[in-house]
């Protein structure tokens, strides 16, 4: 059922803006792991690829793209502010 996949992705989508807001506010990356965020990005890429491979390209793919963009932005902030620790 797509609803559970959407809910799963939305739960993650709620978490990343909190992390992004903290990085923008404090300009500190302490406690963040670029390796972890890289694996999360890889997971979203695999989720998107899965949609294409299994011919299930639908609106749910946009939730994967949203999450990917949020994590990618957080990773960019990590490298931008990593010297501020």
PDB file of N, CA and C in Angstrom:
ATOM      1  N   UNK A   1       0.841  -1.186   0.000  1.00  0.00           N
ATOM      2  CA  UNK A   1       0.000   0.000   0.000  1.00  0.00           C
ATOM      3  C   UNK A   1       0.881   1.242   0.000  1.00  0.00           C
ATOM      4  N   UNK A   2       0.551   2.146  -0.867  1.00  0.00           N
ATOM      5  CA  UNK A   2       1.339   3.363  -1.000  1.00  0.00           C
ATOM      6  C   UNK A   2       1.274   4.254   0.228  1.00  0.00           C
ATOM      7  N   UNK A   3       0.168   4.203   0.950  1.00  0.00           N
ATOM      8  CA  UNK A   3       0.005   5.091   2.105  1.00  0.00           C
ATOM      9  C   UNK A   3       1.110   4.867   3.137  1.00  0.00           C
ATOM     10  N   UNK A   4       1.501   3.612   3.350  1.00  0.00           N
ATOM     11  CA  UNK A   4       2.538   3.326   4.336  1.00  0.00           C
ATOM     12  C   UNK A   4       3.910   3.787   3.852  1.00  0.00           C
ATOM     13  N   UNK A   5       4.152   3.686   2.562  1.00  0.00           N
ATOM     14  CA  UNK A   5       5.399   4.184   1.999  1.00  0.00           C
ATOM     15  C   UNK A   5       5.452   5.708   2.134  1.00  0.00           C
ATOM     16  N   UNK A   6       4.337   6.365   1.883  1.00  0.00           N
ATOM     17  CA  UNK A   6       4.267   7.820   2.021  1.00  0.00           C
ATOM     18  C   UNK A   6       4.471   8.231   3.470  1.00  0.00           C
ATOM     19  N   UNK A   7       3.812   7.546   4.393  1.00  0.00           N
ATOM     20  CA  UNK A   7       3.966   7.869   5.815  1.00  0.00           C
ATOM     21  C   UNK A   7       5.411   7.677   6.273  1.00  0.00           C
ATOM     22  N   UNK A   8       6.045   6.614   5.813  1.00  0.00           N
ATOM     23  CA  UNK A   8       7.451   6.361   6.114  1.00  0.00           C
ATOM     24  C   UNK A   8       8.302   7.540   5.650  1.00  0.00           C
ATOM     25  N   UNK A   9       8.107   7.954   4.421  1.00  0.00           N
ATOM     26  CA  UNK A   9       8.887   9.048   3.859  1.00  0.00           C
ATOM     27  C   UNK A   9       8.574  10.377   4.538  1.00  0.00           C
ATOM     28  N   UNK A  10       7.339  10.592   4.909  1.00  0.00           N
ATOM     29  CA  UNK A  10       6.969  11.825   5.604  1.00  0.00           C
ATOM     30  C   UNK A  10       7.598  11.910   6.989  1.00  0.00           C
ATOM     31  N   UNK A  11       7.697  10.786   7.672  1.00  0.00           N
ATOM     32  CA  UNK A  11       8.348  10.779   8.990  1.00  0.00           C
ATOM     33  C   UNK A  11       9.797  11.237   8.876  1.00  0.00           C
ATOM     34  N   UNK A  12      10.473  10.772   7.861  1.00  0.00           N
ATOM     35  CA  UNK A  12      11.849  11.221   7.638  1.00  0.00           C
ATOM     36  C   UNK A  12      11.872  12.680   7.191  1.00  0.00           C
ATOM     37  N   UNK A  13      10.915  13.071   6.366  1.00  0.00           N
ATOM     38  CA  UNK A  13      10.880  14.438   5.850  1.00  0.00           C
ATOM     39  C   UNK A  13      10.663  15.457   6.967  1.00  0.00           C
ATOM     40  N   UNK A  14      10.030  15.066   8.047  1.00  0.00           N
ATOM     41  CA  UNK A  14       9.825  15.962   9.180  1.00  0.00           C
ATOM     42  C   UNK A  14      11.126  16.164   9.952  1.00  0.00           C
ATOM     43  N   UNK A  15      11.945  15.146  10.010  1.00  0.00           N
ATOM     44  CA  UNK A  15      13.175  15.197  10.801  1.00  0.00           C
ATOM     45  C   UNK A  15      14.243  16.088  10.191  1.00  0.00           C
ATOM     46  N   UNK A  16      14.411  16.052   8.901  1.00  0.00           N
ATOM     47  CA  UNK A  16      15.511  16.786   8.269  1.00  0.00           C
ATOM     48  C   UNK A  16      15.402  18.295   8.384  1.00  0.00           C
ATOM     49  N   UNK A  17      14.230  18.909   8.241  1.00  0.00           N
ATOM     50  CA  UNK A  17      14.172  20.368   8.419  1.00  0.00           C
ATOM     51  C   UNK A  17      14.595  20.819   9.815  1.00  0.00           C
ATOM     52  N   UNK A  18      14.358  19.992  10.802  1.00  0.00           N
ATOM     53  CA  UNK A  18      14.798  20.324  12.160  1.00  0.00           C
ATOM     54  C   UNK A  18      16.319  20.386  12.205  1.00  0.00           C
ATOM     55  N   UNK A  19      16.966  19.404  11.606  1.00  0.00           N
ATOM     56  CA  UNK A  19      18.420  19.376  11.554  1.00  0.00           C
ATOM     57  C   UNK A  19      18.964  20.550  10.735  1.00  0.00           C
ATOM     58  N   UNK A  20      18.306  20.846   9.627  1.00  0.00           N
ATOM     59  CA  UNK A  20      18.727  21.953   8.768  1.00  0.00           C
ATOM     60  C   UNK A  20      18.581  23.282   9.512  1.00  0.00           C
ATOM     61  N   UNK A  21      17.458  23.480  10.180  1.00  0.00           N
ATOM     62  CA  UNK A  21      17.222  24.728  10.914  1.00  0.00           C
ATOM     63  C   UNK A  21      18.276  24.926  12.002  1.00  0.00           C
ATOM     64  N   UNK A  22      18.627  23.852  12.702  1.00  0.00           N
ATOM     65  CA  UNK A  22      19.641  23.953  13.744  1.00  0.00           C
ATOM     66  C   UNK A  22      20.993  24.348  13.148  1.00  0.00           C
ATOM     67  N   UNK A  23      21.352  23.739  12.021  1.00  0.00           N
ATOM     68  CA  UNK A  23      22.630  24.066  11.378  1.00  0.00           C
ATOM     69  C   UNK A  23      22.643  25.513  10.904  1.00  0.00           C
ATOM     70  N   UNK A  24      21.546  25.973  10.346  1.00  0.00           N
ATOM     71  CA  UNK A  24      21.477  27.360   9.873  1.00  0.00           C
ATOM     72  C   UNK A  24      21.529  28.345  11.036  1.00  0.00           C
ATOM     73  N   UNK A  25      20.895  27.995  12.138  1.00  0.00           N
ATOM     74  CA  UNK A  25      20.835  28.880  13.304  1.00  0.00           C
ATOM     75  C   UNK A  25      22.165  28.935  14.047  1.00  0.00           C
ATOM     76  N   UNK A  26      22.773  27.763  14.274  1.00  0.00           N
ATOM     77  CA  UNK A  26      23.978  27.708  15.107  1.00  0.00           C
ATOM     78  C   UNK A  26      25.269  27.695  14.305  1.00  0.00           C
ATOM     79  N   UNK A  27      25.197  27.311  13.043  1.00  0.00           N
ATOM     80  CA  UNK A  27      26.372  27.150  12.183  1.00  0.00           C
ATOM     81  C   UNK A  27      27.381  26.159  12.771  1.00  0.00           C
ATOM     82  N   UNK A  28      26.855  25.163  13.482  1.00  0.00           N
ATOM     83  CA  UNK A  28      27.671  24.115  14.095  1.00  0.00           C
ATOM     84  C   UNK A  28      27.202  22.771  13.561  1.00  0.00           C
ATOM     85  N   UNK A  29      28.149  21.902  13.251  1.00  0.00           N
ATOM     86  CA  UNK A  29      27.805  20.584  12.696  1.00  0.00           C
ATOM     87  C   UNK A  29      28.129  19.449  13.659  1.00  0.00           C
ATOM     88  N   UNK A  30      28.487  19.785  14.877  1.00  0.00           N
ATOM     89  CA  UNK A  30      28.843  18.765  15.857  1.00  0.00           C
ATOM     90  C   UNK A  30      27.720  17.738  15.997  1.00  0.00           C
ATOM     91  N   UNK A  31      28.101  16.474  15.927  1.00  0.00           N
ATOM     92  CA  UNK A  31      27.131  15.386  16.051  1.00  0.00           C
ATOM     93  C   UNK A  31      26.586  14.889  14.728  1.00  0.00           C
ATOM     94  N   UNK A  32      26.881  15.586  13.657  1.00  0.00           N
ATOM     95  CA  UNK A  32      26.423  15.148  12.336  1.00  0.00           C
ATOM     96  C   UNK A  32      27.484  14.263  11.706  1.00  0.00           C
ATOM     97  N   UNK A  33      27.043  13.316  10.923  1.00  0.00           N
ATOM     98  CA  UNK A  33      27.958  12.400  10.254  1.00  0.00           C
ATOM     99  C   UNK A  33      27.730  12.461   8.748  1.00  0.00           C
ATOM    100  N   UNK A  34      28.736  12.931   8.007  1.00  0.00           N
ATOM    101  CA  UNK A  34      28.571  12.969   6.556  1.00  0.00           C
ATOM    102  C   UNK A  34      28.467  11.568   5.953  1.00  0.00           C
ATOM    103  N   UNK A  35      29.096  10.590   6.574  1.00  0.00           N
ATOM    104  CA  UNK A  35      28.994   9.208   6.079  1.00  0.00           C
ATOM    105  C   UNK A  35      27.556   8.715   6.229  1.00  0.00           C
ATOM    106  N   UNK A  36      26.961   8.974   7.387  1.00  0.00           N
ATOM    107  CA  UNK A  36      25.566   8.585   7.625  1.00  0.00           C
ATOM    108  C   UNK A  36      24.648   9.239   6.602  1.00  0.00           C
ATOM    109  N   UNK A  37      24.823  10.554   6.409  1.00  0.00           N
ATOM    110  CA  UNK A  37      23.973  11.262   5.452  1.00  0.00           C
ATOM    111  C   UNK A  37      24.201  10.740   4.034  1.00  0.00           C
ATOM    112  N   UNK A  38      25.431  10.360   3.726  1.00  0.00           N
ATOM    113  CA  UNK A  38      25.718   9.779   2.410  1.00  0.00           C
ATOM    114  C   UNK A  38      24.973   8.480   2.192  1.00  0.00           C
ATOM    115  N   UNK A  39      24.934   7.637   3.224  1.00  0.00           N
ATOM    116  CA  UNK A  39      24.195   6.381   3.102  1.00  0.00           C
ATOM    117  C   UNK A  39      22.693   6.623   2.994  1.00  0.00           C
ATOM    118  N   UNK A  40      22.193   7.629   3.687  1.00  0.00           N
ATOM    119  CA  UNK A  40      20.773   7.977   3.569  1.00  0.00           C
ATOM    120  C   UNK A  40      20.471   8.425   2.137  1.00  0.00           C
ATOM    121  N   UNK A  41      21.340   9.266   1.575  1.00  0.00           N
ATOM    122  CA  UNK A  41      21.162   9.692   0.180  1.00  0.00           C
ATOM    123  C   UNK A  41      21.169   8.496  -0.756  1.00  0.00           C
ATOM    124  N   UNK A  42      22.091   7.589  -0.532  1.00  0.00           N
ATOM    125  CA  UNK A  42      22.173   6.381  -1.354  1.00  0.00           C
ATOM    126  C   UNK A  42      20.879   5.563  -1.248  1.00  0.00           C
ATOM    127  N   UNK A  43      20.341   5.472  -0.052  1.00  0.00           N
ATOM    128  CA  UNK A  43      19.071   4.761   0.138  1.00  0.00           C
ATOM    129  C   UNK A  43      17.934   5.390  -0.649  1.00  0.00           C
ATOM    130  N   UNK A  44      17.866   6.721  -0.650  1.00  0.00           N
ATOM    131  CA  UNK A  44      16.825   7.389  -1.431  1.00  0.00           C
ATOM    132  C   UNK A  44      17.040   7.185  -2.926  1.00  0.00           C
ATOM    133  N   UNK A  45      18.287   7.190  -3.360  1.00  0.00           N
ATOM    134  CA  UNK A  45      18.574   6.905  -4.778  1.00  0.00           C
ATOM    135  C   UNK A  45      18.085   5.509  -5.142  1.00  0.00           C
ATOM    136  N   UNK A  46      18.363   4.528  -4.268  1.00  0.00           N
ATOM    137  CA  UNK A  46      17.895   3.167  -4.528  1.00  0.00           C
ATOM    138  C   UNK A  46      16.366   3.103  -4.543  1.00  0.00           C
ATOM    139  N   UNK A  47      15.716   3.863  -3.676  1.00  0.00           N
ATOM    140  CA  UNK A  47      14.250   3.906  -3.672  1.00  0.00           C
ATOM    141  C   UNK A  47      13.703   4.454  -4.976  1.00  0.00           C
ATOM    142  N   UNK A  48      14.343   5.490  -5.494  1.00  0.00           N
ATOM    143  CA  UNK A  48      13.922   6.075  -6.767  1.00  0.00           C
ATOM    144  C   UNK A  48      14.170   5.103  -7.912  1.00  0.00           C
ATOM    145  N   UNK A  49      15.345   4.477  -7.903  1.00  0.00           N
ATOM    146  CA  UNK A  49      15.650   3.487  -8.947  1.00  0.00           C
ATOM    147  C   UNK A  49      14.637   2.351  -8.904  1.00  0.00           C
ATOM    148  N   UNK A  50      14.278   1.903  -7.701  1.00  0.00           N
ATOM    149  CA  UNK A  50      13.295   0.828  -7.549  1.00  0.00           C
ATOM    150  C   UNK A  50      11.975   1.187  -8.220  1.00  0.00           C
ATOM    151  N   UNK A  51      11.572   2.442  -8.087  1.00  0.00           N
ATOM    152  CA  UNK A  51      10.317   2.870  -8.707  1.00  0.00           C
ATOM    153  C   UNK A  51      10.376   2.707 -10.232  1.00  0.00           C
ATOM    154  N   UNK A  52      11.522   3.055 -10.811  1.00  0.00           N
ATOM    155  CA  UNK A  52      11.655   2.939 -12.264  1.00  0.00           C
ATOM    156  C   UNK A  52      11.780   1.482 -12.704  1.00  0.00           C
ATOM    157  N   UNK A  53      12.591   0.711 -12.003  1.00  0.00           N
ATOM    158  CA  UNK A  53      12.833  -0.685 -12.386  1.00  0.00           C
ATOM    159  C   UNK A  53      11.551  -1.502 -12.320  1.00  0.00           C
ATOM    160  N   UNK A  54      10.741  -1.254 -11.300  1.00  0.00           N
ATOM    161  CA  UNK A  54       9.510  -2.024 -11.127  1.00  0.00           C
ATOM    162  C   UNK A  54       8.299  -1.356 -11.763  1.00  0.00           C
ATOM    163  N   UNK A  55       8.538  -0.365 -12.600  1.00  0.00           N
ATOM    164  CA  UNK A  55       7.463   0.323 -13.330  1.00  0.00           C
ATOM    165  C   UNK A  55       6.374   0.830 -12.391  1.00  0.00           C
ATOM    166  N   UNK A  56       6.810   1.397 -11.257  1.00  0.00           N
ATOM    167  CA  UNK A  56       5.870   1.946 -10.279  1.00  0.00           C
ATOM    168  C   UNK A  56       6.054   3.453 -10.130  1.00  0.00           C
ATOM    169  N   UNK A  57       6.455   4.102 -11.216  1.00  0.00           N
ATOM    170  CA  UNK A  57       6.683   5.545 -11.140  1.00  0.00           C
ATOM    171  C   UNK A  57       5.327   6.224 -10.957  1.00  0.00           C
ATOM    172  N   UNK A  58       5.141   6.826  -9.793  1.00  0.00           N
ATOM    173  CA  UNK A  58       3.909   7.521  -9.468  1.00  0.00           C
ATOM    174  C   UNK A  58       4.263   8.729  -8.607  1.00  0.00           C
ATOM    175  N   UNK A  59       3.265   9.357  -8.035  1.00  0.00           N
ATOM    176  CA  UNK A  59       3.485  10.567  -7.249  1.00  0.00           C
ATOM    177  C   UNK A  59       4.351  10.326  -6.020  1.00  0.00           C
ATOM    178  N   UNK A  60       4.456   9.098  -5.544  1.00  0.00           N
ATOM    179  CA  UNK A  60       5.261   8.781  -4.361  1.00  0.00           C
ATOM    180  C   UNK A  60       6.733   9.103  -4.600  1.00  0.00           C
ATOM    181  N   UNK A  61       7.159   9.027  -5.850  1.00  0.00           N
ATOM    182  CA  UNK A  61       8.560   9.310  -6.165  1.00  0.00           C
ATOM    183  C   UNK A  61       8.944  10.719  -5.724  1.00  0.00           C
ATOM    184  N   UNK A  62       7.998  11.648  -5.716  1.00  0.00           N
ATOM    185  CA  UNK A  62       8.291  13.018  -5.300  1.00  0.00           C
ATOM    186  C   UNK A  62       8.628  13.105  -3.820  1.00  0.00           C
ATOM    187  N   UNK A  63       8.108  12.175  -3.021  1.00  0.00           N
ATOM    188  CA  UNK A  63       8.479  12.136  -1.605  1.00  0.00           C
ATOM    189  C   UNK A  63       9.936  11.690  -1.454  1.00  0.00           C
ATOM    190  N   UNK A  64      10.369  10.761  -2.300  1.00  0.00           N
ATOM    191  CA  UNK A  64      11.780  10.365  -2.308  1.00  0.00           C
ATOM    192  C   UNK A  64      12.659  11.545  -2.726  1.00  0.00           C
ATOM    193  N   UNK A  65      12.235  12.256  -3.755  1.00  0.00           N
ATOM    194  CA  UNK A  65      13.006  13.402  -4.237  1.00  0.00           C
ATOM    195  C   UNK A  65      13.068  14.488  -3.165  1.00  0.00           C
ATOM    196  N   UNK A  66      11.954  14.757  -2.502  1.00  0.00           N
ATOM    197  CA  UNK A  66      11.924  15.743  -1.425  1.00  0.00           C
ATOM    198  C   UNK A  66      12.924  15.374  -0.335  1.00  0.00           C
ATOM    199  N   UNK A  67      12.866  14.133   0.117  1.00  0.00           N
ATOM    200  CA  UNK A  67      13.776  13.684   1.169  1.00  0.00           C
ATOM    201  C   UNK A  67      15.230  13.753   0.716  1.00  0.00           C
ATOM    202  N   UNK A  68      15.484  13.346  -0.515  1.00  0.00           N
ATOM    203  CA  UNK A  68      16.836  13.414  -1.045  1.00  0.00           C
ATOM    204  C   UNK A  68      17.347  14.851  -1.004  1.00  0.00           C
ATOM    205  N   UNK A  69      16.516  15.785  -1.436  1.00  0.00           N
ATOM    206  CA  UNK A  69      16.921  17.196  -1.449  1.00  0.00           C
ATOM    207  C   UNK A  69      17.179  17.723  -0.041  1.00  0.00           C
ATOM    208  N   UNK A  70      16.354  17.343   0.910  1.00  0.00           N
ATOM    209  CA  UNK A  70      16.550  17.779   2.296  1.00  0.00           C
ATOM    210  C   UNK A  70      17.869  17.264   2.858  1.00  0.00           C
ATOM    211  N   UNK A  71      18.145  15.987   2.649  1.00  0.00           N
ATOM    212  CA  UNK A  71      19.391  15.405   3.160  1.00  0.00           C
ATOM    213  C   UNK A  71      20.586  16.011   2.430  1.00  0.00           C
ATOM    214  N   UNK A  72      20.472  16.195   1.135  1.00  0.00           N
ATOM    215  CA  UNK A  72      21.570  16.789   0.370  1.00  0.00           C
ATOM    216  C   UNK A  72      21.862  18.205   0.865  1.00  0.00           C
ATOM    217  N   UNK A  73      20.829  18.971   1.162  1.00  0.00           N
ATOM    218  CA  UNK A  73      21.021  20.325   1.679  1.00  0.00           C
ATOM    219  C   UNK A  73      21.685  20.290   3.053  1.00  0.00           C
ATOM    220  N   UNK A  74      21.267  19.357   3.896  1.00  0.00           N
ATOM    221  CA  UNK A  74      21.888  19.209   5.216  1.00  0.00           C
ATOM    222  C   UNK A  74      23.357  18.821   5.070  1.00  0.00           C
ATOM    223  N   UNK A  75      23.673  17.976   4.112  1.00  0.00           N
ATOM    224  CA  UNK A  75      25.058  17.577   3.863  1.00  0.00           C
ATOM    225  C   UNK A  75      25.880  18.778   3.357  1.00  0.00           C
ATOM    226  N   UNK A  76      25.287  19.588   2.509  1.00  0.00           N
ATOM    227  CA  UNK A  76      25.961  20.806   2.041  1.00  0.00           C
ATOM    228  C   UNK A  76      26.262  21.724   3.222  1.00  0.00           C
ATOM    229  N   UNK A  77      25.289  21.869   4.118  1.00  0.00           N
ATOM    230  CA  UNK A  77      25.504  22.697   5.311  1.00  0.00           C
ATOM    231  C   UNK A  77      26.613  22.125   6.188  1.00  0.00           C
ATOM    232  N   UNK A  78      26.684  20.806   6.259  1.00  0.00           N
ATOM    233  CA  UNK A  78      27.751  20.178   7.038  1.00  0.00           C
ATOM    234  C   UNK A  78      29.109  20.648   6.520  1.00  0.00           C
ATOM    235  N   UNK A  79      29.324  20.534   5.228  1.00  0.00           N
ATOM    236  CA  UNK A  79      30.619  20.919   4.665  1.00  0.00           C
ATOM    237  C   UNK A  79      30.838  22.429   4.719  1.00  0.00           C
ATOM    238  N   UNK A  80      29.768  23.193   4.677  1.00  0.00           N
ATOM    239  CA  UNK A  80      29.875  24.656   4.764  1.00  0.00           C
ATOM    240  C   UNK A  80      30.315  25.084   6.156  1.00  0.00           C
ATOM    241  N   UNK A  81      29.786  24.430   7.196  1.00  0.00           N
ATOM    242  CA  UNK A  81      30.028  24.854   8.570  1.00  0.00           C
ATOM    243  C   UNK A  81      30.954  23.937   9.370  1.00  0.00           C
ATOM    244  N   UNK A  82      31.543  22.926   8.751  1.00  0.00           N
ATOM    245  CA  UNK A  82      32.321  21.954   9.518  1.00  0.00           C
ATOM    246  C   UNK A  82      33.515  22.568  10.239  1.00  0.00           C
ATOM    247  N   UNK A  83      34.044  23.656   9.749  1.00  0.00           N
ATOM    248  CA  UNK A  83      35.185  24.298  10.403  1.00  0.00           C
ATOM    249  C   UNK A  83      34.780  25.183  11.579  1.00  0.00           C
ATOM    250  N   UNK A  84      33.482  25.339  11.825  1.00  0.00           N
ATOM    251  CA  UNK A  84      33.001  26.175  12.915  1.00  0.00           C
ATOM    252  C   UNK A  84      32.925  25.446  14.252  1.00  0.00           C
ATOM    253  N   UNK A  85      33.241  24.172  14.282  1.00  0.00           N
ATOM    254  CA  UNK A  85      33.103  23.394  15.529  1.00  0.00           C
ATOM    255  C   UNK A  85      34.178  23.737  16.511  1.00  0.00           C
TER     256      UNK A  85
END
